[in-house]
């Protein structure tokens, strides 16, 4: 492919013109391992946000915002924000639902947490405004979404 050839040429040029210092790769691997950044890669990825879609043509006060996240482990989180109510469900999670907590966190450090019922539903009452994120935690780790403006 053209792109592969171009990338190979660029790589060769940089290796000749400005080679990396000896031990750089090993040092970076050690730094990342020491900082325990593995958890940073376990992010919830926002795959659907109703704010990015055209408004539905329905009667009534359709003010709820729907967010859908996926995690690398294969599970997903549905969340609905409607005023001061945040409701949702954890789907396709292969662990003990009783050990899982969902938190809605604000940039100012305020956080409201809820456990899940036996089928993965949660409900949180919280004033959500500004930037928030969702964090799903269980006994073995946690995953957070990016910050979302609400």
N, C-alpha and C. Protein backbone atom coordinates (compact mmCIF):
# COMPACT_ATOMS: atom_id res chain seq x y z
N UNK A 1 0.83 -1.18 0.00
CA UNK A 1 0.00 0.00 0.00
C UNK A 1 0.88 1.25 0.00
N UNK A 2 0.37 2.31 -0.59
CA UNK A 2 1.09 3.57 -0.63
C UNK A 2 1.38 4.10 0.76
N UNK A 3 0.38 4.04 1.63
CA UNK A 3 0.54 4.58 2.98
C UNK A 3 1.63 3.86 3.75
N UNK A 4 1.68 2.54 3.62
CA UNK A 4 2.71 1.76 4.32
C UNK A 4 4.10 2.15 3.84
N UNK A 5 4.25 2.33 2.55
CA UNK A 5 5.54 2.72 1.98
C UNK A 5 5.94 4.11 2.47
N UNK A 6 4.99 5.01 2.48
CA UNK A 6 5.26 6.37 2.96
C UNK A 6 5.66 6.35 4.43
N UNK A 7 4.95 5.59 5.23
CA UNK A 7 5.29 5.50 6.65
C UNK A 7 6.67 4.88 6.86
N UNK A 8 7.00 3.88 6.07
CA UNK A 8 8.33 3.28 6.16
C UNK A 8 9.41 4.30 5.82
N UNK A 9 9.18 5.10 4.78
CA UNK A 9 10.15 6.13 4.39
C UNK A 9 10.29 7.19 5.48
N UNK A 10 9.19 7.61 6.07
CA UNK A 10 9.24 8.59 7.15
C UNK A 10 9.97 8.04 8.37
N UNK A 11 9.68 6.78 8.72
CA UNK A 11 10.35 6.15 9.86
C UNK A 11 11.86 6.11 9.63
N UNK A 12 12.28 5.71 8.43
CA UNK A 12 13.70 5.64 8.11
C UNK A 12 14.35 7.03 8.18
N UNK A 13 13.65 8.04 7.65
CA UNK A 13 14.17 9.40 7.69
C UNK A 13 14.40 9.85 9.13
N UNK A 14 13.41 9.64 10.00
CA UNK A 14 13.55 10.09 11.39
C UNK A 14 14.62 9.29 12.13
N UNK A 15 14.74 8.02 11.84
CA UNK A 15 15.77 7.22 12.50
C UNK A 15 17.17 7.69 12.11
N UNK A 16 17.32 8.14 10.87
CA UNK A 16 18.62 8.64 10.42
C UNK A 16 18.87 10.07 10.90
N UNK A 17 17.85 10.93 10.80
CA UNK A 17 18.01 12.35 11.11
C UNK A 17 17.99 12.64 12.62
N UNK A 18 17.17 11.92 13.36
CA UNK A 18 17.01 12.20 14.78
C UNK A 18 16.66 10.91 15.52
N UNK A 19 17.62 10.01 15.66
CA UNK A 19 17.32 8.72 16.29
C UNK A 19 16.95 8.90 17.76
N UNK A 20 16.11 8.02 18.28
CA UNK A 20 15.75 8.11 19.70
C UNK A 20 16.96 7.79 20.58
N UNK A 21 17.02 8.38 21.76
CA UNK A 21 18.13 8.08 22.66
C UNK A 21 18.12 6.60 23.05
N UNK A 22 19.30 6.04 23.33
CA UNK A 22 19.35 4.64 23.76
C UNK A 22 18.53 4.44 25.03
N UNK A 23 17.77 3.38 25.07
CA UNK A 23 16.99 3.04 26.26
C UNK A 23 15.68 3.79 26.40
N UNK A 24 15.31 4.61 25.42
CA UNK A 24 14.08 5.40 25.52
C UNK A 24 12.85 4.49 25.64
N UNK A 25 12.74 3.49 24.77
CA UNK A 25 11.57 2.61 24.79
C UNK A 25 11.46 1.88 26.12
N UNK A 26 12.57 1.32 26.59
CA UNK A 26 12.55 0.59 27.87
C UNK A 26 12.21 1.53 29.02
N UNK A 27 12.73 2.75 28.98
CA UNK A 27 12.43 3.72 30.02
C UNK A 27 10.97 4.12 30.04
N UNK A 28 10.39 4.30 28.87
CA UNK A 28 8.97 4.66 28.80
C UNK A 28 8.09 3.52 29.30
N UNK A 29 8.42 2.30 28.94
CA UNK A 29 7.65 1.15 29.41
C UNK A 29 7.72 1.07 30.93
N UNK A 30 8.90 1.26 31.49
CA UNK A 30 9.06 1.21 32.94
C UNK A 30 8.29 2.34 33.62
N UNK A 31 8.31 3.52 33.03
CA UNK A 31 7.60 4.66 33.61
C UNK A 31 6.10 4.42 33.64
N UNK A 32 5.56 3.91 32.53
CA UNK A 32 4.13 3.63 32.47
C UNK A 32 3.76 2.54 33.47
N UNK A 33 4.56 1.50 33.56
CA UNK A 33 4.27 0.42 34.50
C UNK A 33 4.32 0.93 35.93
N UNK A 34 5.30 1.77 36.23
CA UNK A 34 5.44 2.30 37.59
C UNK A 34 4.29 3.23 37.96
N UNK A 35 3.75 3.92 36.99
CA UNK A 35 2.66 4.85 37.24
C UNK A 35 1.31 4.14 37.28
N UNK A 36 1.27 2.85 37.00
CA UNK A 36 0.04 2.06 36.99
C UNK A 36 -1.02 2.69 36.10
N UNK A 37 -0.62 3.03 34.88
CA UNK A 37 -1.54 3.68 33.96
C UNK A 37 -2.47 2.72 33.25
N UNK A 38 -2.38 1.42 33.55
CA UNK A 38 -3.29 0.48 32.91
C UNK A 38 -4.74 0.88 33.12
N UNK A 39 -5.06 1.38 34.33
CA UNK A 39 -6.44 1.74 34.60
C UNK A 39 -6.89 2.91 33.75
N UNK A 40 -5.96 3.77 33.32
CA UNK A 40 -6.33 4.89 32.47
C UNK A 40 -6.85 4.42 31.11
N UNK A 41 -6.45 3.24 30.68
CA UNK A 41 -6.88 2.74 29.38
C UNK A 41 -8.24 2.06 29.47
N UNK A 42 -8.72 1.83 30.66
CA UNK A 42 -10.01 1.18 30.84
C UNK A 42 -11.10 2.23 30.90
N UNK A 43 -11.26 2.97 29.83
CA UNK A 43 -12.23 4.05 29.80
C UNK A 43 -13.56 3.57 29.25
N UNK A 44 -14.60 4.22 29.73
CA UNK A 44 -15.91 4.04 29.11
C UNK A 44 -15.94 4.93 27.88
N UNK A 45 -16.28 4.36 26.76
CA UNK A 45 -16.30 5.10 25.50
C UNK A 45 -17.74 5.47 25.18
N UNK A 46 -17.97 6.77 25.01
CA UNK A 46 -19.30 7.25 24.65
C UNK A 46 -19.55 6.92 23.19
N UNK A 47 -20.55 6.07 22.93
CA UNK A 47 -20.85 5.69 21.56
C UNK A 47 -22.16 6.29 21.05
N UNK A 48 -22.99 6.80 21.97
CA UNK A 48 -24.24 7.43 21.55
C UNK A 48 -24.61 8.49 22.57
N UNK A 49 -24.97 9.67 22.07
CA UNK A 49 -25.41 10.77 22.91
C UNK A 49 -26.61 11.39 22.22
N UNK A 50 -27.77 11.36 22.87
CA UNK A 50 -28.98 11.88 22.24
C UNK A 50 -28.87 13.37 21.94
N UNK A 51 -27.96 14.09 22.61
CA UNK A 51 -27.78 15.51 22.32
C UNK A 51 -27.20 15.74 20.94
N UNK A 52 -26.57 14.71 20.37
CA UNK A 52 -25.97 14.82 19.04
C UNK A 52 -26.92 14.39 17.92
N UNK A 53 -28.15 14.04 18.29
CA UNK A 53 -29.12 13.54 17.32
C UNK A 53 -30.24 14.55 17.14
N UNK A 54 -30.92 14.51 16.00
CA UNK A 54 -32.05 15.42 15.82
C UNK A 54 -33.15 15.11 16.84
N UNK A 55 -33.88 16.14 17.24
CA UNK A 55 -34.96 15.96 18.21
C UNK A 55 -36.05 15.08 17.61
N UNK A 56 -36.58 14.19 18.43
CA UNK A 56 -37.67 13.33 17.98
C UNK A 56 -38.95 14.14 17.83
N UNK A 57 -39.74 13.80 16.87
CA UNK A 57 -41.00 14.50 16.61
C UNK A 57 -42.10 13.84 17.43
N UNK A 58 -42.13 14.16 18.73
CA UNK A 58 -43.14 13.58 19.62
C UNK A 58 -43.79 14.70 20.43
N UNK A 59 -44.95 14.40 20.96
CA UNK A 59 -45.61 15.35 21.85
C UNK A 59 -45.08 15.16 23.25
N UNK A 60 -45.12 16.23 24.02
CA UNK A 60 -44.70 16.12 25.41
C UNK A 60 -43.37 16.80 25.64
N UNK A 61 -42.87 16.64 26.84
CA UNK A 61 -41.62 17.28 27.26
C UNK A 61 -40.48 16.28 27.24
N UNK A 62 -39.95 16.01 26.09
CA UNK A 62 -38.86 15.05 25.95
C UNK A 62 -37.55 15.74 26.29
N UNK A 63 -37.28 15.88 27.58
CA UNK A 63 -36.09 16.60 28.02
C UNK A 63 -34.95 15.69 28.45
N UNK A 64 -35.18 14.40 28.46
CA UNK A 64 -34.15 13.47 28.93
C UNK A 64 -33.02 13.36 27.91
N UNK A 65 -31.82 13.23 28.44
CA UNK A 65 -30.65 13.01 27.59
C UNK A 65 -30.20 11.57 27.79
N UNK A 66 -29.99 10.86 26.70
CA UNK A 66 -29.62 9.45 26.75
C UNK A 66 -28.15 9.32 26.34
N UNK A 67 -27.39 8.60 27.16
CA UNK A 67 -25.97 8.34 26.89
C UNK A 67 -25.75 6.84 26.90
N UNK A 68 -24.93 6.37 25.98
CA UNK A 68 -24.62 4.94 25.90
C UNK A 68 -23.11 4.78 25.82
N UNK A 69 -22.53 4.05 26.78
CA UNK A 69 -21.09 3.84 26.86
C UNK A 69 -20.76 2.36 26.69
N UNK A 70 -19.58 2.08 26.14
CA UNK A 70 -19.08 0.71 26.11
C UNK A 70 -17.72 0.67 26.79
N UNK A 71 -17.37 -0.51 27.29
CA UNK A 71 -16.08 -0.72 27.94
C UNK A 71 -15.32 -1.79 27.19
N UNK A 72 -14.01 -1.77 27.30
CA UNK A 72 -13.16 -2.73 26.59
C UNK A 72 -13.48 -4.17 26.97
N UNK A 73 -13.96 -4.37 28.18
CA UNK A 73 -14.27 -5.73 28.66
C UNK A 73 -15.53 -6.31 28.04
N UNK A 74 -16.27 -5.50 27.27
CA UNK A 74 -17.46 -6.00 26.58
C UNK A 74 -18.78 -5.60 27.20
N UNK A 75 -18.78 -5.00 28.37
CA UNK A 75 -20.04 -4.57 28.97
C UNK A 75 -20.33 -3.13 28.56
N UNK A 76 -21.55 -2.69 28.84
CA UNK A 76 -21.94 -1.33 28.46
C UNK A 76 -22.77 -0.70 29.57
N UNK A 77 -22.90 0.61 29.50
CA UNK A 77 -23.66 1.38 30.48
C UNK A 77 -24.60 2.30 29.72
N UNK A 78 -25.90 2.18 30.00
CA UNK A 78 -26.91 3.11 29.49
C UNK A 78 -27.24 4.08 30.60
N UNK A 79 -27.30 5.36 30.31
CA UNK A 79 -27.66 6.36 31.31
C UNK A 79 -28.63 7.35 30.72
N UNK A 80 -29.58 7.77 31.54
CA UNK A 80 -30.57 8.78 31.15
C UNK A 80 -30.52 9.89 32.19
N UNK A 81 -30.31 11.11 31.72
CA UNK A 81 -30.29 12.27 32.61
C UNK A 81 -31.56 13.06 32.34
N UNK A 82 -32.39 13.21 33.37
CA UNK A 82 -33.65 13.93 33.24
C UNK A 82 -33.82 14.80 34.47
N UNK A 83 -33.45 16.07 34.33
CA UNK A 83 -33.49 16.98 35.49
C UNK A 83 -32.48 16.55 36.53
N UNK A 84 -32.95 16.31 37.75
CA UNK A 84 -32.03 15.87 38.80
C UNK A 84 -32.03 14.35 38.98
N UNK A 85 -32.60 13.64 38.01
CA UNK A 85 -32.63 12.18 38.06
C UNK A 85 -31.67 11.59 37.02
N UNK A 86 -30.80 10.71 37.47
CA UNK A 86 -29.90 9.97 36.58
C UNK A 86 -30.22 8.49 36.80
N UNK A 87 -30.71 7.86 35.76
CA UNK A 87 -31.08 6.45 35.84
C UNK A 87 -30.37 5.69 34.73
N UNK A 88 -30.18 4.41 34.93
CA UNK A 88 -29.56 3.64 33.87
C UNK A 88 -29.43 2.18 34.22
N UNK A 89 -28.67 1.48 33.37
CA UNK A 89 -28.47 0.05 33.55
C UNK A 89 -27.11 -0.35 33.03
N UNK A 90 -26.47 -1.24 33.77
CA UNK A 90 -25.23 -1.87 33.34
C UNK A 90 -25.62 -3.16 32.61
N UNK A 91 -25.12 -3.32 31.38
CA UNK A 91 -25.51 -4.46 30.54
C UNK A 91 -24.31 -5.34 30.22
N UNK A 92 -24.55 -6.63 30.08
CA UNK A 92 -23.54 -7.61 29.67
C UNK A 92 -22.35 -7.68 30.61
N UNK A 93 -22.56 -7.42 31.88
CA UNK A 93 -21.50 -7.49 32.88
C UNK A 93 -21.46 -8.91 33.43
N UNK A 94 -20.27 -9.52 33.41
CA UNK A 94 -20.15 -10.92 33.82
C UNK A 94 -19.75 -11.11 35.27
N UNK A 95 -19.94 -10.12 36.09
CA UNK A 95 -19.56 -10.23 37.49
C UNK A 95 -20.77 -10.13 38.40
N UNK A 96 -20.49 -9.95 39.67
CA UNK A 96 -21.51 -9.82 40.69
C UNK A 96 -22.06 -8.39 40.67
N UNK A 97 -23.31 -8.22 40.28
CA UNK A 97 -23.91 -6.89 40.21
C UNK A 97 -23.90 -6.19 41.57
N UNK A 98 -23.94 -6.98 42.64
CA UNK A 98 -23.95 -6.40 43.98
C UNK A 98 -22.65 -5.72 44.36
N UNK A 99 -21.57 -6.04 43.64
CA UNK A 99 -20.27 -5.43 43.96
C UNK A 99 -19.98 -4.19 43.13
N UNK A 100 -20.92 -3.80 42.27
CA UNK A 100 -20.69 -2.69 41.34
C UNK A 100 -21.36 -1.42 41.85
N UNK A 101 -20.64 -0.31 41.69
CA UNK A 101 -21.21 1.00 41.98
C UNK A 101 -21.03 1.90 40.77
N UNK A 102 -22.02 2.74 40.53
CA UNK A 102 -21.95 3.74 39.46
C UNK A 102 -21.91 5.11 40.13
N UNK A 103 -20.97 5.94 39.72
CA UNK A 103 -20.86 7.28 40.27
C UNK A 103 -21.01 8.31 39.17
N UNK A 104 -21.69 9.40 39.49
CA UNK A 104 -21.74 10.57 38.64
C UNK A 104 -20.87 11.60 39.33
N UNK A 105 -19.80 12.01 38.64
CA UNK A 105 -18.82 12.91 39.22
C UNK A 105 -18.85 14.25 38.51
N UNK A 106 -18.69 15.32 39.26
CA UNK A 106 -18.62 16.67 38.70
C UNK A 106 -17.17 17.13 38.74
N UNK A 107 -16.83 18.10 37.90
CA UNK A 107 -15.47 18.64 37.84
C UNK A 107 -15.02 19.23 39.17
N UNK A 108 -15.98 19.73 39.97
CA UNK A 108 -15.61 20.33 41.25
C UNK A 108 -15.31 19.30 42.33
N UNK A 109 -15.37 18.01 41.98
CA UNK A 109 -15.05 16.95 42.92
C UNK A 109 -16.26 16.31 43.57
N UNK A 110 -17.44 16.90 43.40
CA UNK A 110 -18.64 16.31 43.97
C UNK A 110 -18.96 15.01 43.24
N UNK A 111 -19.36 14.01 44.00
CA UNK A 111 -19.66 12.70 43.41
C UNK A 111 -20.85 12.08 44.13
N UNK A 112 -21.77 11.51 43.36
CA UNK A 112 -22.91 10.79 43.93
C UNK A 112 -22.87 9.38 43.39
N UNK A 113 -22.98 8.41 44.28
CA UNK A 113 -22.80 7.01 43.93
C UNK A 113 -24.05 6.20 44.22
N UNK A 114 -24.26 5.17 43.42
CA UNK A 114 -25.37 4.25 43.62
C UNK A 114 -24.91 2.83 43.35
N UNK A 115 -25.45 1.91 44.10
CA UNK A 115 -25.26 0.50 43.81
C UNK A 115 -26.24 0.08 42.71
N UNK A 116 -26.14 -1.17 42.29
CA UNK A 116 -27.02 -1.71 41.27
C UNK A 116 -28.00 -2.69 41.89
N UNK A 117 -29.17 -2.82 41.29
CA UNK A 117 -30.05 -3.90 41.74
C UNK A 117 -29.62 -5.19 41.04
N UNK A 118 -30.38 -6.25 41.23
CA UNK A 118 -29.97 -7.57 40.73
C UNK A 118 -29.89 -7.67 39.21
N UNK A 119 -30.54 -6.77 38.48
CA UNK A 119 -30.47 -6.80 37.01
C UNK A 119 -29.66 -5.64 36.45
N UNK A 120 -28.97 -4.91 37.32
CA UNK A 120 -28.06 -3.88 36.86
C UNK A 120 -28.59 -2.47 36.79
N UNK A 121 -29.81 -2.22 37.29
CA UNK A 121 -30.36 -0.88 37.25
C UNK A 121 -29.81 -0.03 38.41
N UNK A 122 -29.68 1.28 38.14
CA UNK A 122 -29.29 2.22 39.19
C UNK A 122 -30.12 3.49 39.05
N UNK A 123 -30.24 4.23 40.13
CA UNK A 123 -30.94 5.52 40.13
C UNK A 123 -30.21 6.44 41.09
N UNK A 124 -29.93 7.66 40.61
CA UNK A 124 -29.20 8.65 41.40
C UNK A 124 -29.99 9.96 41.32
N UNK A 125 -30.14 10.60 42.47
CA UNK A 125 -30.71 11.94 42.49
C UNK A 125 -29.57 12.91 42.72
N UNK A 126 -29.32 13.78 41.74
CA UNK A 126 -28.21 14.71 41.84
C UNK A 126 -28.42 15.86 40.86
N UNK A 127 -28.05 17.06 41.27
CA UNK A 127 -28.05 18.20 40.35
C UNK A 127 -26.88 18.01 39.41
N UNK A 128 -27.16 17.74 38.16
CA UNK A 128 -26.09 17.56 37.19
C UNK A 128 -26.06 18.75 36.25
N UNK A 129 -24.94 19.45 36.26
CA UNK A 129 -24.76 20.58 35.36
C UNK A 129 -23.27 20.75 35.14
N UNK A 130 -22.93 21.47 34.10
CA UNK A 130 -21.52 21.64 33.78
C UNK A 130 -20.97 20.36 33.18
N UNK A 131 -19.74 20.03 33.54
CA UNK A 131 -19.12 18.80 33.04
C UNK A 131 -19.23 17.69 34.09
N UNK A 132 -19.65 16.53 33.62
CA UNK A 132 -19.74 15.36 34.49
C UNK A 132 -19.08 14.18 33.79
N UNK A 133 -18.85 13.13 34.58
CA UNK A 133 -18.43 11.86 34.00
C UNK A 133 -19.02 10.74 34.83
N UNK A 134 -19.07 9.56 34.22
CA UNK A 134 -19.56 8.37 34.89
C UNK A 134 -18.37 7.49 35.22
N UNK A 135 -18.39 6.89 36.41
CA UNK A 135 -17.38 5.92 36.79
C UNK A 135 -18.09 4.67 37.29
N UNK A 136 -17.70 3.53 36.75
CA UNK A 136 -18.24 2.24 37.16
C UNK A 136 -17.12 1.51 37.90
N UNK A 137 -17.38 1.13 39.16
CA UNK A 137 -16.37 0.47 39.98
C UNK A 137 -16.89 -0.85 40.50
N UNK A 138 -15.98 -1.82 40.57
CA UNK A 138 -16.29 -3.06 41.27
C UNK A 138 -15.06 -3.42 42.10
N UNK A 139 -15.03 -4.58 42.69
CA UNK A 139 -13.92 -4.94 43.56
C UNK A 139 -12.58 -5.04 42.87
N UNK A 140 -12.56 -5.18 41.56
CA UNK A 140 -11.29 -5.40 40.85
C UNK A 140 -10.79 -4.18 40.08
N UNK A 141 -11.60 -3.14 39.93
CA UNK A 141 -11.14 -1.98 39.18
C UNK A 141 -12.25 -1.02 38.90
N UNK A 142 -11.95 -0.04 38.06
CA UNK A 142 -12.96 0.94 37.69
C UNK A 142 -12.72 1.43 36.27
N UNK A 143 -13.76 1.99 35.68
CA UNK A 143 -13.68 2.57 34.34
C UNK A 143 -14.45 3.87 34.37
N UNK A 144 -13.88 4.91 33.78
CA UNK A 144 -14.51 6.24 33.75
C UNK A 144 -14.71 6.70 32.33
N UNK A 145 -15.76 7.50 32.15
CA UNK A 145 -16.00 8.11 30.85
C UNK A 145 -15.18 9.39 30.75
N UNK A 146 -15.14 9.96 29.56
CA UNK A 146 -14.56 11.30 29.41
C UNK A 146 -15.54 12.28 30.04
N UNK A 147 -15.11 13.52 30.23
CA UNK A 147 -15.99 14.56 30.76
C UNK A 147 -16.99 14.96 29.69
N UNK A 148 -18.26 15.10 30.09
CA UNK A 148 -19.35 15.41 29.17
C UNK A 148 -20.05 16.68 29.66
N UNK A 149 -20.27 17.60 28.76
CA UNK A 149 -21.00 18.83 29.11
C UNK A 149 -22.50 18.53 29.12
N UNK A 150 -23.17 18.85 30.24
CA UNK A 150 -24.63 18.65 30.32
C UNK A 150 -25.34 19.96 30.54
